[in-house]
C-alpha atoms as a PDB file:
ATOM      1  CA  MET A   1     -29.453 -50.832 -30.439  1.00  0.00           C
ATOM      2  CA  LYS A   2     -26.306 -49.293 -29.034  1.00  0.00           C
ATOM      3  CA  LYS A   3     -26.847 -47.719 -25.613  1.00  0.00           C
ATOM      4  CA  LYS A   4     -26.508 -43.944 -25.608  1.00  0.00           C
ATOM      5  CA  GLN A   5     -23.472 -42.612 -23.749  1.00  0.00           C
ATOM      6  CA  TYR A   6     -23.506 -39.337 -21.797  1.00  0.00           C
ATOM      7  CA  GLN A   7     -20.499 -37.149 -21.076  1.00  0.00           C
ATOM      8  CA  SER A   8     -21.804 -36.327 -17.619  1.00  0.00           C
ATOM      9  CA  ARG A   9     -22.060 -40.002 -16.622  1.00  0.00           C
ATOM     10  CA  ARG A  10     -18.775 -39.631 -14.703  1.00  0.00           C
ATOM     11  CA  GLY A  11     -20.306 -36.937 -12.513  1.00  0.00           C
ATOM     12  CA  LYS A  12     -21.922 -37.527  -9.139  1.00  0.00           C
ATOM     13  CA  TYR A  13     -25.643 -38.306  -8.955  1.00  0.00           C
ATOM     14  CA  PHE A  14     -25.745 -39.404 -12.581  1.00  0.00           C
ATOM     15  CA  MET A  15     -29.048 -40.917 -13.667  1.00  0.00           C
ATOM     16  CA  GLY A  16     -29.332 -42.338 -17.167  1.00  0.00           C
ATOM     17  CA  PHE A  17     -32.015 -41.353 -19.628  1.00  0.00           C
ATOM     18  CA  LEU A  18     -35.354 -42.935 -18.758  1.00  0.00           C
ATOM     19  CA  PRO A  19     -36.959 -45.209 -21.388  1.00  0.00           C
ATOM     20  CA  ASN A  20     -40.272 -43.990 -22.805  1.00  0.00           C
ATOM     21  CA  GLU A  21     -42.280 -46.610 -20.919  1.00  0.00           C
ATOM     22  CA  LYS A  22     -40.907 -45.291 -17.595  1.00  0.00           C
ATOM     23  CA  PHE A  23     -40.988 -41.607 -18.537  1.00  0.00           C
ATOM     24  CA  LEU A  24     -44.649 -41.804 -19.632  1.00  0.00           C
ATOM     25  CA  LYS A  25     -45.609 -43.160 -16.236  1.00  0.00           C
ATOM     26  CA  LEU A  26     -44.211 -40.127 -14.436  1.00  0.00           C
ATOM     27  CA  THR A  27     -46.607 -37.520 -13.083  1.00  0.00           C
ATOM     28  CA  GLU A  28     -46.419 -33.958 -14.362  1.00  0.00           C
ATOM     29  CA  LYS A  29     -44.660 -32.902 -11.159  1.00  0.00           C
ATOM     30  CA  GLU A  30     -42.112 -35.727 -11.469  1.00  0.00           C
ATOM     31  CA  ARG A  31     -41.398 -34.808 -15.101  1.00  0.00           C
ATOM     32  CA  LYS A  32     -40.779 -31.214 -14.044  1.00  0.00           C
ATOM     33  CA  PHE A  33     -38.205 -32.236 -11.426  1.00  0.00           C
ATOM     34  CA  TYR A  34     -36.679 -34.835 -13.760  1.00  0.00           C
ATOM     35  CA  LYS A  35     -36.000 -32.103 -16.349  1.00  0.00           C
ATOM     36  CA  LEU A  36     -34.697 -29.793 -13.608  1.00  0.00           C
ATOM     37  CA  TYR A  37     -32.273 -32.520 -12.525  1.00  0.00           C
ATOM     38  CA  ARG A  38     -31.146 -33.467 -16.053  1.00  0.00           C
ATOM     39  CA  ASP A  39     -30.490 -29.915 -17.244  1.00  0.00           C
ATOM     40  CA  ASN A  40     -28.586 -28.771 -14.176  1.00  0.00           C
ATOM     41  CA  HIS A  41     -26.610 -31.997 -13.848  1.00  0.00           C
ATOM     42  CA  ARG A  42     -25.353 -31.535 -17.413  1.00  0.00           C
ATOM     43  CA  TRP A  43     -24.608 -27.823 -16.946  1.00  0.00           C
ATOM     44  CA  MET A  44     -22.772 -28.482 -13.704  1.00  0.00           C
ATOM     45  CA  TYR A  45     -20.622 -31.183 -15.334  1.00  0.00           C
ATOM     46  CA  GLU A  46     -19.858 -28.995 -18.365  1.00  0.00           C
ATOM     47  CA  GLY A  47     -19.037 -26.082 -16.035  1.00  0.00           C
ATOM     48  CA  LYS A  48     -16.513 -28.160 -14.089  1.00  0.00           C
ATOM     49  CA  GLU A  49     -14.959 -29.409 -17.307  1.00  0.00           C
ATOM     50  CA  LYS A  50     -14.615 -25.842 -18.550  1.00  0.00           C
ATOM     51  CA  ILE A  51     -12.984 -24.771 -15.266  1.00  0.00           C
ATOM     52  CA  GLU A  52     -10.374 -27.519 -15.601  1.00  0.00           C
ATOM     53  CA  GLU A  53      -9.751 -26.463 -19.191  1.00  0.00           C
ATOM     54  CA  TRP A  54      -9.243 -22.841 -18.114  1.00  0.00           C
ATOM     55  CA  LYS A  55      -6.910 -23.921 -15.291  1.00  0.00           C
ATOM     56  CA  LYS A  56      -4.648 -25.582 -17.847  1.00  0.00           C
ATOM     57  CA  GLU A  57      -4.722 -22.427 -19.970  1.00  0.00           C
ATOM     58  CA  ILE A  58      -3.895 -20.309 -16.919  1.00  0.00           C
ATOM     59  CA  GLU A  59      -0.867 -22.476 -16.140  1.00  0.00           C
ATOM     60  CA  LYS A  60       0.348 -22.006 -19.710  1.00  0.00           C
ATOM     61  CA  ILE A  61      -0.152 -18.237 -19.432  1.00  0.00           C
ATOM     62  CA  LYS A  62       1.672 -18.167 -16.066  1.00  0.00           C
ATOM     63  CA  LYS A  63       4.598 -19.923 -17.709  1.00  0.00           C
ATOM     64  CA  LYS A  64       4.628 -17.349 -20.509  1.00  0.00           C
ATOM     65  CA  ILE A  65       4.513 -14.527 -17.934  1.00  0.00           C
ATOM     66  CA  ASP A  66       7.480 -15.997 -16.035  1.00  0.00           C
ATOM     67  CA  GLU A  67       9.446 -16.351 -19.264  1.00  0.00           C
ATOM     68  CA  LYS A  68       8.711 -12.758 -20.291  1.00  0.00           C
ATOM     69  CA  ARG A  69       9.506 -11.449 -16.801  1.00  0.00           C
ATOM     70  CA  PHE A  70      12.847 -13.237 -16.952  1.00  0.00           C
ATOM     71  CA  GLN A  71      13.582 -11.498 -20.256  1.00  0.00           C
ATOM     72  CA  ILE A  72      12.779  -8.144 -18.628  1.00  0.00           C
ATOM     73  CA  GLU A  73      14.505  -8.613 -15.266  1.00  0.00           C
ATOM     74  CA  GLY A  74      17.190 -11.148 -16.111  1.00  0.00           C
ATOM     75  CA  GLY A  75      18.441 -13.728 -13.638  1.00  0.00           C
ATOM     76  CA  LEU A  76      20.277 -17.016 -13.385  1.00  0.00           C
ATOM     77  CA  ILE A  77      20.065 -20.046 -15.658  1.00  0.00           C
ATOM     78  CA  ASN A  78      21.530 -23.515 -15.124  1.00  0.00           C
ATOM     79  CA  LYS A  79      21.168 -23.012 -11.385  1.00  0.00           C
ATOM     80  CA  ARG A  80      23.097 -25.160  -8.964  1.00  0.00           C
ATOM     81  CA  VAL A  81      23.875 -25.182  -5.265  1.00  0.00           C
ATOM     82  CA  ASN A  82      27.359 -24.123  -4.277  1.00  0.00           C
ATOM     83  CA  LYS A  83      28.755 -26.947  -2.143  1.00  0.00           C
ATOM     84  CA  ILE A  84      30.958 -24.556  -0.180  1.00  0.00           C
ATOM     85  CA  ASP A  85      28.507 -21.914   1.046  1.00  0.00           C
ATOM     86  CA  GLY A  86      25.153 -23.402   0.013  1.00  0.00           C
ATOM     87  CA  GLU A  87      24.303 -20.395  -2.159  1.00  0.00           C
ATOM     88  CA  ILE A  88      22.577 -20.687  -5.529  1.00  0.00           C
ATOM     89  CA  ASP A  89      24.998 -20.201  -8.422  1.00  0.00           C
ATOM     90  CA  GLY A  90      24.404 -20.105 -12.157  1.00  0.00           C
ATOM     91  CA  GLU A  91      24.986 -18.232 -15.370  1.00  0.00           C
ATOM     92  CA  LYS A  92      23.773 -14.637 -15.190  1.00  0.00           C
ATOM     93  CA  VAL A  93      21.507 -13.388 -17.961  1.00  0.00           C
ATOM     94  CA  ILE A  94      21.208  -9.590 -18.264  1.00  0.00           C
ATOM     95  CA  GLY A  95      17.602  -8.490 -18.746  1.00  0.00           C
ATOM     96  CA  TRP A  96      16.106  -5.789 -20.906  1.00  0.00           C
ATOM     97  CA  ARG A  97      15.723  -3.434 -17.920  1.00  0.00           C
ATOM     98  CA  GLU A  98      19.408  -3.423 -17.057  1.00  0.00           C
ATOM     99  CA  LYS A  99      20.352  -2.921 -20.708  1.00  0.00           C
ATOM    100  CA  MET A 100      17.820  -0.102 -21.023  1.00  0.00           C
ATOM    101  CA  MET A 101      19.182   1.647 -17.917  1.00  0.00           C
ATOM    102  CA  GLU A 102      22.726   1.276 -19.263  1.00  0.00           C
ATOM    103  CA  GLY A 103      21.671   3.140 -22.374  1.00  0.00           C
ATOM    104  CA  TYR A 104      19.610   5.705 -20.461  1.00  0.00           C
ATOM    105  CA  SER A 105      22.551   6.527 -18.184  1.00  0.00           C
ATOM    106  CA  GLU A 106      24.416   7.775 -21.247  1.00  0.00           C
ATOM    107  CA  ILE A 107      21.680   9.602 -23.140  1.00  0.00           C
ATOM    108  CA  GLY A 108      19.183  10.433 -20.370  1.00  0.00           C
ATOM    109  CA  TYR A 109      20.325  14.060 -20.444  1.00  0.00           C
ATOM    110  CA  LEU A 110      18.403  14.456 -23.707  1.00  0.00           C
ATOM    111  CA  SER A 111      15.167  14.454 -21.686  1.00  0.00           C
ATOM    112  CA  LYS A 112      15.326  17.055 -18.914  1.00  0.00           C
ATOM    113  CA  ASP A 113      11.917  16.295 -17.381  1.00  0.00           C
ATOM    114  CA  TYR A 114      13.180  13.280 -15.430  1.00  0.00           C
ATOM    115  CA  ASP A 115      16.470  14.877 -14.456  1.00  0.00           C
ATOM    116  CA  PHE A 116      15.965  16.331 -10.984  1.00  0.00           C
ATOM    117  CA  PHE A 117      17.400  16.365  -7.482  1.00  0.00           C
ATOM    118  CA  CYS A 118      15.263  14.791  -4.766  1.00  0.00           C
ATOM    119  CA  SER A 119      16.039  15.265  -1.086  1.00  0.00           C
ATOM    120  CA  VAL A 120      14.344  14.694   2.270  1.00  0.00           C
ATOM    121  CA  ASN A 121      14.119  17.690   4.592  1.00  0.00           C
ATOM    122  CA  LEU A 122      13.094  17.714   8.225  1.00  0.00           C
ATOM    123  CA  ARG A 123      11.484  20.908   9.501  1.00  0.00           C
ATOM    124  CA  LYS A 124      10.508  21.884  13.014  1.00  0.00           C
ATOM    125  CA  ARG A 125       7.008  23.274  13.411  1.00  0.00           C
ATOM    126  CA  GLU A 126       5.650  24.840  16.577  1.00  0.00           C
ATOM    127  CA  SER A 127       2.224  24.014  17.905  1.00  0.00           C
ATOM    128  CA  LYS A 128      -0.371  26.796  18.092  1.00  0.00           C
ATOM    129  CA  THR A 129      -0.168  26.643  21.874  1.00  0.00           C
ATOM    130  CA  LEU A 130       3.587  27.271  21.835  1.00  0.00           C
ATOM    131  CA  GLN A 131       3.203  30.126  19.352  1.00  0.00           C
ATOM    132  CA  ASN A 132       0.645  31.776  21.647  1.00  0.00           C
ATOM    133  CA  GLN A 133       2.866  31.278  24.687  1.00  0.00           C
ATOM    134  CA  LYS A 134       5.742  33.030  22.911  1.00  0.00           C
ATOM    135  CA  LYS A 135       3.374  35.933  22.203  1.00  0.00           C
ATOM    136  CA  GLY A 136       2.478  36.104  25.890  1.00  0.00           C
ATOM    137  CA  ILE A 137      -0.970  34.629  25.444  1.00  0.00           C
ATOM    138  CA  LYS A 138      -1.826  32.431  28.406  1.00  0.00           C
ATOM    139  CA  GLY A 139      -2.640  28.871  27.489  1.00  0.00           C
ATOM    140  CA  ARG A 140      -5.664  27.030  28.845  1.00  0.00           C
ATOM    141  CA  GLU A 141      -5.275  25.097  32.086  1.00  0.00           C
ATOM    142  CA  LEU A 142      -5.965  21.404  32.494  1.00  0.00           C
ATOM    143  CA  TYR A 143      -7.418  20.459  35.871  1.00  0.00           C
ATOM    144  CA  ASN A 144      -6.758  17.132  37.495  1.00  0.00           C
ATOM    145  CA  THR A 145      -9.985  15.082  37.515  1.00  0.00           C
ATOM    146  CA  SER A 146      -9.190  13.885  41.020  1.00  0.00           C
ATOM    147  CA  ASP A 147      -9.683  17.421  42.468  1.00  0.00           C
ATOM    148  CA  VAL A 148     -12.351  17.464  45.144  1.00  0.00           C
ATOM    149  CA  TRP A 149     -12.427  21.204  45.884  1.00  0.00           C
ATOM    150  CA  GLY A 150     -13.495  23.846  43.404  1.00  0.00           C
ATOM    151  CA  ASP A 151     -11.934  27.271  42.899  1.00  0.00           C
ATOM    152  CA  LYS A 152     -14.501  28.818  45.208  1.00  0.00           C
ATOM    153  CA  GLY A 153     -13.836  26.371  48.032  1.00  0.00           C
ATOM    154  CA  ASP A 154     -16.860  24.251  47.240  1.00  0.00           C
ATOM    155  CA  ARG A 155     -16.375  20.620  48.154  1.00  0.00           C
ATOM    156  CA  ASN A 156     -17.150  18.247  45.290  1.00  0.00           C
ATOM    157  CA  ASN A 157     -16.314  14.911  46.832  1.00  0.00           C
ATOM    158  CA  PRO A 158     -17.090  14.410  50.522  1.00  0.00           C
ATOM    159  CA  SER A 159     -14.986  11.218  50.566  1.00  0.00           C
ATOM    160  CA  GLU A 160     -11.778  13.279  50.859  1.00  0.00           C
ATOM    161  CA  ASP A 161     -11.085  16.050  53.322  1.00  0.00           C
ATOM    162  CA  TRP A 162      -9.624  19.535  53.007  1.00  0.00           C
ATOM    163  CA  LEU A 163      -6.185  18.533  54.325  1.00  0.00           C
ATOM    164  CA  GLU A 164      -5.780  15.926  51.592  1.00  0.00           C
ATOM    165  CA  TYR A 165      -6.811  18.506  48.988  1.00  0.00           C
ATOM    166  CA  GLN A 166      -4.230  20.956  50.340  1.00  0.00           C
ATOM    167  CA  LYS A 167      -1.548  18.233  50.247  1.00  0.00           C
ATOM    168  CA  ASN A 168      -2.313  17.435  46.599  1.00  0.00           C
ATOM    169  CA  HIS A 169      -2.317  21.109  45.727  1.00  0.00           C
ATOM    170  CA  LYS A 170       1.085  21.614  47.387  1.00  0.00           C
ATOM    171  CA  GLU A 171       2.554  18.654  45.490  1.00  0.00           C
ATOM    172  CA  GLY A 172       1.279  20.033  42.184  1.00  0.00           C
ATOM    173  CA  LYS A 173      -1.259  17.275  41.565  1.00  0.00           C
ATOM    174  CA  VAL A 174      -4.259  19.564  41.291  1.00  0.00           C
ATOM    175  CA  LYS A 175      -3.634  21.264  37.984  1.00  0.00           C
ATOM    176  CA  GLU A 176      -0.948  21.705  35.326  1.00  0.00           C
ATOM    177  CA  VAL A 177      -0.519  24.188  32.535  1.00  0.00           C
ATOM    178  CA  ILE A 178      -0.449  22.661  29.049  1.00  0.00           C
ATOM    179  CA  LYS A 179       2.947  23.154  27.443  1.00  0.00           C
ATOM    180  CA  GLY A 180       3.432  23.967  23.784  1.00  0.00           C
ATOM    181  CA  ASN A 181       5.281  21.456  21.605  1.00  0.00           C
ATOM    182  CA  VAL A 182       7.703  21.437  18.696  1.00  0.00           C
ATOM    183  CA  TYR A 183       6.955  18.854  15.997  1.00  0.00           C
ATOM    184  CA  GLU A 184       9.304  17.533  13.322  1.00  0.00           C
ATOM    185  CA  LYS A 185       7.753  17.222   9.870  1.00  0.00           C
ATOM    186  CA  TYR A 186       9.146  15.591   6.730  1.00  0.00           C
ATOM    187  CA  TYR A 187       9.201  17.325   3.335  1.00  0.00           C
ATOM    188  CA  ILE A 188      10.405  16.175  -0.070  1.00  0.00           C
ATOM    189  CA  ARG A 189      12.310  18.798  -2.079  1.00  0.00           C
ATOM    190  CA  ILE A 190      12.120  18.462  -5.879  1.00  0.00           C
ATOM    191  CA  GLU A 191      14.653  20.583  -7.778  1.00  0.00           C
ATOM    192  CA  PRO A 192      15.138  20.004 -11.538  1.00  0.00           C
ATOM    193  CA  LYS A 193      18.713  20.286 -12.728  1.00  0.00           C
ATOM    194  CA  GLY A 194      19.363  23.502 -14.630  1.00  0.00           C
ATOM    195  CA  ARG A 195      15.865  24.910 -14.056  1.00  0.00           C
ATOM    196  CA  GLY A 196      14.748  27.784 -11.894  1.00  0.00           C
ATOM    197  CA  TRP A 197      12.038  26.286  -9.715  1.00  0.00           C
ATOM    198  CA  ILE A 198      11.696  24.156  -6.587  1.00  0.00           C
ATOM    199  CA  ARG A 199       8.695  22.241  -5.259  1.00  0.00           C
ATOM    200  CA  ASN A 200       8.386  21.040  -1.674  1.00  0.00           C
ATOM    201  CA  LEU A 201       5.960  18.187  -1.054  1.00  0.00           C
ATOM    202  CA  TYR A 202       4.675  17.760   2.478  1.00  0.00           C
ATOM    203  CA  VAL A 203       4.852  14.190   3.821  1.00  0.00           C
ATOM    204  CA  GLY A 204       3.968  14.463   7.518  1.00  0.00           C
ATOM    205  CA  GLY A 205       5.363  13.364  10.851  1.00  0.00           C
ATOM    206  CA  LYS A 206       7.509  10.335  11.632  1.00  0.00           C
ATOM    207  CA  GLU A 207       4.431   8.155  12.087  1.00  0.00           C
ATOM    208  CA  ASP A 208       3.205   9.141   8.605  1.00  0.00           C
ATOM    209  CA  VAL A 209       6.569   8.260   7.083  1.00  0.00           C
ATOM    210  CA  LEU A 210       6.602   4.841   8.783  1.00  0.00           C
ATOM    211  CA  HIS A 211       3.044   4.213   7.601  1.00  0.00           C
ATOM    212  CA  LEU A 212       4.070   5.011   4.025  1.00  0.00           C
ATOM    213  CA  LEU A 213       7.123   2.749   4.184  1.00  0.00           C
ATOM    214  CA  ASN A 214       5.117  -0.101   5.705  1.00  0.00           C
ATOM    215  CA  SER A 215       2.546   0.269   2.934  1.00  0.00           C
ATOM    216  CA  TRP A 216       5.336  -0.098   0.399  1.00  0.00           C
ATOM    217  CA  ASN A 217       7.148  -3.009   2.088  1.00  0.00           C
ATOM    218  CA  SER A 218       5.694  -4.559   5.231  1.00  0.00           C
ATOM    219  CA  ASP A 219       8.472  -7.167   5.447  1.00  0.00           C
ATOM    220  CA  ILE A 220      10.941  -4.587   6.769  1.00  0.00           C
ATOM    221  CA  LYS A 221      10.814  -3.530  10.438  1.00  0.00           C
ATOM    222  CA  TRP A 222      11.006   0.182   9.704  1.00  0.00           C
ATOM    223  CA  GLU A 223      10.643   1.219  13.351  1.00  0.00           C
ATOM    224  CA  SER A 224      14.034  -0.351  14.078  1.00  0.00           C
ATOM    225  CA  LYS A 225      15.866   1.317  11.167  1.00  0.00           C
ATOM    226  CA  ASN A 226      18.076   4.363  11.553  1.00  0.00           C
ATOM    227  CA  ASP A 227      17.160   7.759  10.176  1.00  0.00           C
ATOM    228  CA  LYS A 228      19.456   7.534   7.135  1.00  0.00           C
ATOM    229  CA  TYR A 229      17.917   4.235   6.013  1.00  0.00           C
ATOM    230  CA  ILE A 230      14.415   5.680   6.389  1.00  0.00           C
ATOM    231  CA  ARG A 231      15.308   8.871   4.509  1.00  0.00           C
ATOM    232  CA  ASP A 232      16.985   6.959   1.653  1.00  0.00           C
ATOM    233  CA  ASN A 233      13.951   4.745   1.086  1.00  0.00           C
ATOM    234  CA  LEU A 234      11.490   7.608   1.460  1.00  0.00           C
ATOM    235  CA  ARG A 235      13.444   9.537  -1.179  1.00  0.00           C
ATOM    236  CA  GLU A 236      13.372   6.577  -3.599  1.00  0.00           C
ATOM    237  CA  ILE A 237       9.594   6.226  -3.249  1.00  0.00           C
ATOM    238  CA  TYR A 238       9.061   9.903  -4.032  1.00  0.00           C
ATOM    239  CA  LYS A 239      11.481   9.753  -6.956  1.00  0.00           C
ATOM    240  CA  GLY A 240       9.345   7.038  -8.479  1.00  0.00           C
ATOM    241  CA  TYR A 241       6.102   8.851  -7.652  1.00  0.00           C
ATOM    242  CA  VAL A 242       7.283  12.115  -9.236  1.00  0.00           C
ATOM    243  CA  ARG A 243       8.619  10.388 -12.363  1.00  0.00           C
ATOM    244  CA  PHE A 244       5.341   8.507 -12.783  1.00  0.00           C
ATOM    245  CA  HIS A 245       3.301  11.712 -12.584  1.00  0.00           C
ATOM    246  CA  ILE A 246       5.621  13.585 -14.937  1.00  0.00           C
ATOM    247  CA  HIS A 247       5.100  10.767 -17.421  1.00  0.00           C
ATOM    248  CA  LYS A 248       1.328  10.636 -16.912  1.00  0.00           C
ATOM    249  CA  ASN A 249       0.301  14.258 -16.316  1.00  0.00           C
ATOM    250  CA  GLY A 250       3.245  16.407 -17.395  1.00  0.00           C
ATOM    251  CA  ILE A 251       5.899  18.269 -15.456  1.00  0.00           C
ATOM    252  CA  GLU A 252       3.693  21.364 -14.964  1.00  0.00           C
ATOM    253  CA  ASN A 253       1.633  19.448 -12.388  1.00  0.00           C
ATOM    254  CA  ILE A 254       4.804  18.832 -10.389  1.00  0.00           C
ATOM    255  CA  LYS A 255       6.260  22.293 -10.928  1.00  0.00           C
ATOM    256  CA  ARG A 256       3.526  24.189  -9.114  1.00  0.00           C
ATOM    257  CA  GLY A 257       0.478  23.518  -6.972  1.00  0.00           C
ATOM    258  CA  GLY A 258      -2.952  24.930  -7.582  1.00  0.00           C
ATOM    259  CA  GLU A 259      -6.633  24.133  -7.698  1.00  0.00           C
ATOM    260  CA  ASN A 260      -6.083  21.408 -10.278  1.00  0.00           C
ATOM    261  CA  PRO A 261      -6.214  18.078  -8.358  1.00  0.00           C
ATOM    262  CA  LEU A 262      -3.456  16.695 -10.605  1.00  0.00           C
ATOM    263  CA  SER A 263      -1.058  19.269  -9.151  1.00  0.00           C
ATOM    264  CA  GLN A 264      -1.806  18.259  -5.554  1.00  0.00           C
ATOM    265  CA  HIS A 265       0.400  15.560  -4.042  1.00  0.00           C
ATOM    266  CA  PRO A 266      -0.593  14.848  -0.420  1.00  0.00           C
ATOM    267  CA  LEU A 267       0.502  11.692   1.372  1.00  0.00           C
ATOM    268  CA  SER A 268      -2.823  10.019   0.561  1.00  0.00           C
ATOM    269  CA  ASN A 269      -2.047  10.290  -3.170  1.00  0.00           C
ATOM    270  CA  VAL A 270       1.328   8.608  -2.717  1.00  0.00           C
ATOM    271  CA  LEU A 271      -0.299   5.825  -0.698  1.00  0.00           C
ATOM    272  CA  GLY A 272      -2.917   5.417  -3.422  1.00  0.00           C
ATOM    273  CA  TRP A 273      -0.197   5.205  -6.065  1.00  0.00           C
ATOM    274  CA  ILE A 274       1.569   2.453  -4.127  1.00  0.00           C
ATOM    275  CA  GLY A 275      -1.669   0.544  -3.667  1.00  0.00           C
ATOM    276  CA  GLU A 276      -2.643   0.761  -7.332  1.00  0.00           C
ATOM    277  CA  PHE A 277       0.742   0.140  -8.949  1.00  0.00           C
ATOM    278  CA  ARG A 278       2.441  -1.932  -6.246  1.00  0.00           C
ATOM    279  CA  ASN A 279       4.022  -4.409  -8.674  1.00  0.00           C
ATOM    280  CA  ASP A 280       5.226  -1.727 -11.098  1.00  0.00           C
ATOM    281  CA  ILE A 281       6.514   1.134  -8.944  1.00  0.00           C
ATOM    282  CA  SER A 282      10.072  -0.236  -8.967  1.00  0.00           C
ATOM    283  CA  GLU A 283      10.181   0.630 -12.681  1.00  0.00           C
ATOM    284  CA  TRP A 284      10.038   4.306 -11.730  1.00  0.00           C
ATOM    285  CA  MET A 285      12.603   4.094  -8.950  1.00  0.00           C
ATOM    286  CA  ASP A 286      16.391   3.927  -9.040  1.00  0.00           C
ATOM    287  CA  LYS A 287      16.443   0.569  -7.242  1.00  0.00           C
END
């Protein structure tokens, strides 16, 4: 009789099928564990085989994705290294995106919703303390924690004497009045061409802008970039964000704010948009 072959025989811990004379001699407990071993050994082997099969399918799908992405974005074919400068040369293939934008640049005026000016404005805002000071309202005083004498002459720390307290007081180390501040805040101005409305979207301070830019592209050292570079990239992000929301929720939710959450566009919403559509946001931007 031909010996039965098992697919899982190539797996680790393989144990062939027991002949009846051996199986019948097993105790009930041994039979239970023998079945437990056999079933799970087979399932484990089949599971690994299926994983390998799926991996091959995934590689095929990845190849299809790369081919389709090349059709969309374009690129170089027949690549070769330039012997002079070491750069990669090849024949340029124009992708669907570039061709689409070429057409849109000529007939985009037919759709007014996406035709708008977008600019970055920097406003100066006074702190509440400074506003009160200008009104003649006295600000609160901050006392130095090293003071050892109270306002009534009571001694708080016997380790320092009255002469040292007087010296500190004369040098201005005892207390200082909190000064008001002026903060610079970034706003995005949305102004459709040929329409009679404007929407200003609040971004935040410089640290908020840098956080947004780092969330979009952490490979760039934004802190070292000049103001124009930061403004240009901030504007492009908001262009894409506004276009996306016009497409998804309609221009009315950009035109005016209100109780409707769809019409609210705080910084957190822009960050959420970047996080959710990171690989696709460039489709909504000019670059």
